[in-house]
Protein backbone atom coordinates (compact mmCIF):
# COMPACT_ATOMS: atom_id res chain seq x y z
CA UNK A 1 54.09 -100.15 -45.38
CA UNK A 2 57.12 -98.00 -46.16
CA UNK A 3 58.49 -95.01 -44.28
CA UNK A 4 61.14 -92.42 -45.12
CA UNK A 5 63.17 -91.81 -41.95
CA UNK A 6 65.75 -89.04 -42.58
CA UNK A 7 67.22 -89.34 -39.05
CA UNK A 8 68.20 -93.00 -39.57
CA UNK A 9 71.95 -93.09 -40.12
CA UNK A 10 73.47 -96.24 -38.59
CA UNK A 11 72.91 -99.75 -37.31
CA UNK A 12 71.98 -98.43 -33.88
CA UNK A 13 69.17 -96.40 -35.45
CA UNK A 14 67.89 -99.51 -37.22
CA UNK A 15 67.97 -101.39 -33.90
CA UNK A 16 65.93 -98.73 -32.11
CA UNK A 17 63.42 -98.57 -34.95
CA UNK A 18 63.09 -102.36 -35.05
CA UNK A 19 62.64 -102.58 -31.27
CA UNK A 20 60.04 -99.81 -31.33
CA UNK A 21 57.99 -101.65 -33.95
CA UNK A 22 58.40 -105.02 -32.20
CA UNK A 23 57.06 -103.54 -28.95
CA UNK A 24 53.83 -102.76 -30.79
CA UNK A 25 53.73 -105.98 -32.78
CA UNK A 26 56.14 -108.79 -31.82
CA UNK A 27 55.38 -110.55 -35.11
CA UNK A 28 56.21 -107.54 -37.30
CA UNK A 29 58.84 -107.76 -40.01
CA UNK A 30 61.20 -104.77 -40.32
CA UNK A 31 63.59 -104.23 -43.22
CA UNK A 32 65.78 -101.12 -43.37
CA UNK A 33 67.75 -99.54 -46.22
CA UNK A 34 70.27 -97.21 -44.58
CA UNK A 35 71.49 -95.72 -47.86
CA UNK A 36 67.96 -94.73 -48.88
CA UNK A 37 66.93 -93.96 -45.27
CA UNK A 38 63.79 -96.03 -45.71
CA UNK A 39 62.14 -98.75 -43.65
CA UNK A 40 59.67 -101.37 -44.87
CA UNK A 41 57.42 -102.79 -42.15
CA UNK A 42 54.96 -105.65 -42.36
CA UNK A 43 52.59 -105.45 -39.41
CA UNK A 44 48.96 -105.71 -38.40
CA UNK A 45 49.22 -102.31 -36.68
CA UNK A 46 47.83 -99.20 -38.33
CA UNK A 47 50.25 -96.90 -40.15
CA UNK A 48 49.42 -93.97 -37.87
CA UNK A 49 50.25 -96.01 -34.74
CA UNK A 50 53.63 -97.05 -36.15
CA UNK A 51 54.45 -93.50 -37.33
CA UNK A 52 53.61 -92.05 -33.90
CA UNK A 53 55.74 -94.63 -32.08
CA UNK A 54 58.70 -93.97 -34.39
CA UNK A 55 58.35 -90.22 -33.87
CA UNK A 56 58.29 -90.71 -30.09
CA UNK A 57 61.43 -92.85 -30.36
CA UNK A 58 63.23 -89.96 -32.11
CA UNK A 59 62.76 -91.08 -35.70
CA UNK A 60 60.00 -88.97 -37.26
CA UNK A 61 58.71 -90.28 -40.57
CA UNK A 62 58.12 -88.36 -43.79
């Protein structure tokens, strides 16, 4: 699943996003494109659960 995350602007942001996803699914794969402000996540979790967790971490998705 792919997310647009306009607030993602640096490596620290990517780290927080990755950690947030890994807390929900330790086996998830997270790939970020800072220039495009997008994140690709491979996980067994539902999209809504991931989106809510990212929003709560300060990175609302669009």
